[in-house]
Amino acid sequence: MMKRQQGPSLRVSSFNGTAIAASTDWIVLTPGWHSVQFSWESGGMLELNVAGTKVVAANPRSGQTMN
């Protein structure tokens, strides 16, 4: 989560080393609790869903792992 001028916001990013390879758009959070879901595919899509607001981005990197 990041505090931006528009307010607290979330996005999902894929990295190539230390550089960002792809990112979804930011979703600005409204006050209160939110359900947050994300999915990530190596050589596929990045998806972020916050309380029904969904954003996606193409992930160009393949062969990635998560830990």
C-alpha atoms as a PDB file:
ATOM      1  CA  MET A   1       0.000   0.000   0.000  1.00  0.00           C
ATOM      2  CA  MET A   2       1.183   3.505  -0.771  1.00  0.00           C
ATOM      3  CA  LYS A   3      -0.063   6.857   0.483  1.00  0.00           C
ATOM      4  CA  ARG A   4      -0.558   8.920  -2.692  1.00  0.00           C
ATOM      5  CA  GLN A   5      -2.088  12.362  -3.181  1.00  0.00           C
ATOM      6  CA  GLN A   6      -5.416  10.651  -4.019  1.00  0.00           C
ATOM      7  CA  GLY A   7      -5.206   8.637  -0.779  1.00  0.00           C
ATOM      8  CA  PRO A   8      -4.014   5.157   0.224  1.00  0.00           C
ATOM      9  CA  SER A   9      -3.677   3.042  -2.929  1.00  0.00           C
ATOM     10  CA  LEU A  10      -2.789  -0.479  -4.076  1.00  0.00           C
ATOM     11  CA  ARG A  11      -1.363  -1.993  -7.274  1.00  0.00           C
ATOM     12  CA  VAL A  12       0.363  -5.238  -8.302  1.00  0.00           C
ATOM     13  CA  SER A  13       3.744  -5.102 -10.054  1.00  0.00           C
ATOM     14  CA  SER A  14       6.035  -7.646 -11.706  1.00  0.00           C
ATOM     15  CA  PHE A  15       9.796  -7.036 -11.542  1.00  0.00           C
ATOM     16  CA  ASN A  16      12.737  -7.771 -13.815  1.00  0.00           C
ATOM     17  CA  GLY A  17      15.508  -7.704 -11.230  1.00  0.00           C
ATOM     18  CA  THR A  18      15.062  -4.300  -9.591  1.00  0.00           C
ATOM     19  CA  ALA A  19      13.116  -2.722 -12.475  1.00  0.00           C
ATOM     20  CA  ILE A  20       9.337  -2.873 -12.837  1.00  0.00           C
ATOM     21  CA  ALA A  21       8.353  -5.025 -15.847  1.00  0.00           C
ATOM     22  CA  ALA A  22       4.586  -4.442 -15.570  1.00  0.00           C
ATOM     23  CA  SER A  23       2.062  -2.907 -13.156  1.00  0.00           C
ATOM     24  CA  THR A  24      -1.678  -2.672 -12.823  1.00  0.00           C
ATOM     25  CA  ASP A  25      -3.263   0.740 -12.429  1.00  0.00           C
ATOM     26  CA  TRP A  26      -3.546   2.068  -8.891  1.00  0.00           C
ATOM     27  CA  ILE A  27      -6.784   1.470  -6.989  1.00  0.00           C
ATOM     28  CA  VAL A  28      -7.499   4.229  -4.474  1.00  0.00           C
ATOM     29  CA  LEU A  29      -8.918   2.856  -1.226  1.00  0.00           C
ATOM     30  CA  THR A  30     -11.928   4.380   0.452  1.00  0.00           C
ATOM     31  CA  PRO A  31     -12.098   4.424   4.268  1.00  0.00           C
ATOM     32  CA  GLY A  32     -12.907   1.106   5.932  1.00  0.00           C
ATOM     33  CA  TRP A  33     -12.151  -2.561   5.371  1.00  0.00           C
ATOM     34  CA  HIS A  34     -11.835  -4.056   1.863  1.00  0.00           C
ATOM     35  CA  SER A  35     -11.504  -7.534   0.435  1.00  0.00           C
ATOM     36  CA  VAL A  36      -8.337  -7.723  -1.659  1.00  0.00           C
ATOM     37  CA  GLN A  37      -7.551 -10.470  -4.183  1.00  0.00           C
ATOM     38  CA  PHE A  38      -4.669 -10.670  -6.603  1.00  0.00           C
ATOM     39  CA  SER A  39      -3.433 -13.192  -9.111  1.00  0.00           C
ATOM     40  CA  TRP A  40      -0.197 -13.388 -10.992  1.00  0.00           C
ATOM     41  CA  GLU A  41       0.965 -15.579 -13.871  1.00  0.00           C
ATOM     42  CA  SER A  42       4.516 -15.849 -15.116  1.00  0.00           C
ATOM     43  CA  GLY A  43       4.090 -14.896 -18.739  1.00  0.00           C
ATOM     44  CA  GLY A  44       0.387 -14.090 -18.272  1.00  0.00           C
ATOM     45  CA  MET A  45      -1.737 -11.523 -16.469  1.00  0.00           C
ATOM     46  CA  LEU A  46      -1.462  -9.531 -13.257  1.00  0.00           C
ATOM     47  CA  GLU A  47      -4.905  -8.993 -11.694  1.00  0.00           C
ATOM     48  CA  LEU A  48      -5.943  -6.977  -8.666  1.00  0.00           C
ATOM     49  CA  ASN A  49      -9.497  -6.889  -7.292  1.00  0.00           C
ATOM     50  CA  VAL A  50     -10.299  -4.573  -4.394  1.00  0.00           C
ATOM     51  CA  ALA A  51     -13.900  -4.735  -3.187  1.00  0.00           C
ATOM     52  CA  GLY A  52     -15.142  -5.427  -6.742  1.00  0.00           C
ATOM     53  CA  THR A  53     -12.910  -2.921  -8.573  1.00  0.00           C
ATOM     54  CA  LYS A  54     -10.681  -4.959 -10.901  1.00  0.00           C
ATOM     55  CA  VAL A  55      -7.561  -3.863 -12.814  1.00  0.00           C
ATOM     56  CA  VAL A  56      -5.300  -6.012 -15.012  1.00  0.00           C
ATOM     57  CA  ALA A  57      -1.944  -5.735 -16.784  1.00  0.00           C
ATOM     58  CA  ALA A  58      -0.034  -8.059 -19.107  1.00  0.00           C
ATOM     59  CA  ASN A  59       3.040  -9.598 -17.445  1.00  0.00           C
ATOM     60  CA  PRO A  60       5.721  -9.945 -20.141  1.00  0.00           C
ATOM     61  CA  ARG A  61       8.107 -11.923 -17.911  1.00  0.00           C
ATOM     62  CA  SER A  62       8.112 -15.731 -18.005  1.00  0.00           C
ATOM     63  CA  GLY A  63      10.007 -18.099 -15.771  1.00  0.00           C
ATOM     64  CA  GLN A  64       9.301 -16.048 -12.650  1.00  0.00           C
ATOM     65  CA  THR A  65       8.785 -17.597  -9.241  1.00  0.00           C
ATOM     66  CA  MET A  66       7.265 -16.299  -6.036  1.00  0.00           C
ATOM     67  CA  ASN A  67       8.598 -16.714  -2.531  1.00  0.00           C
END
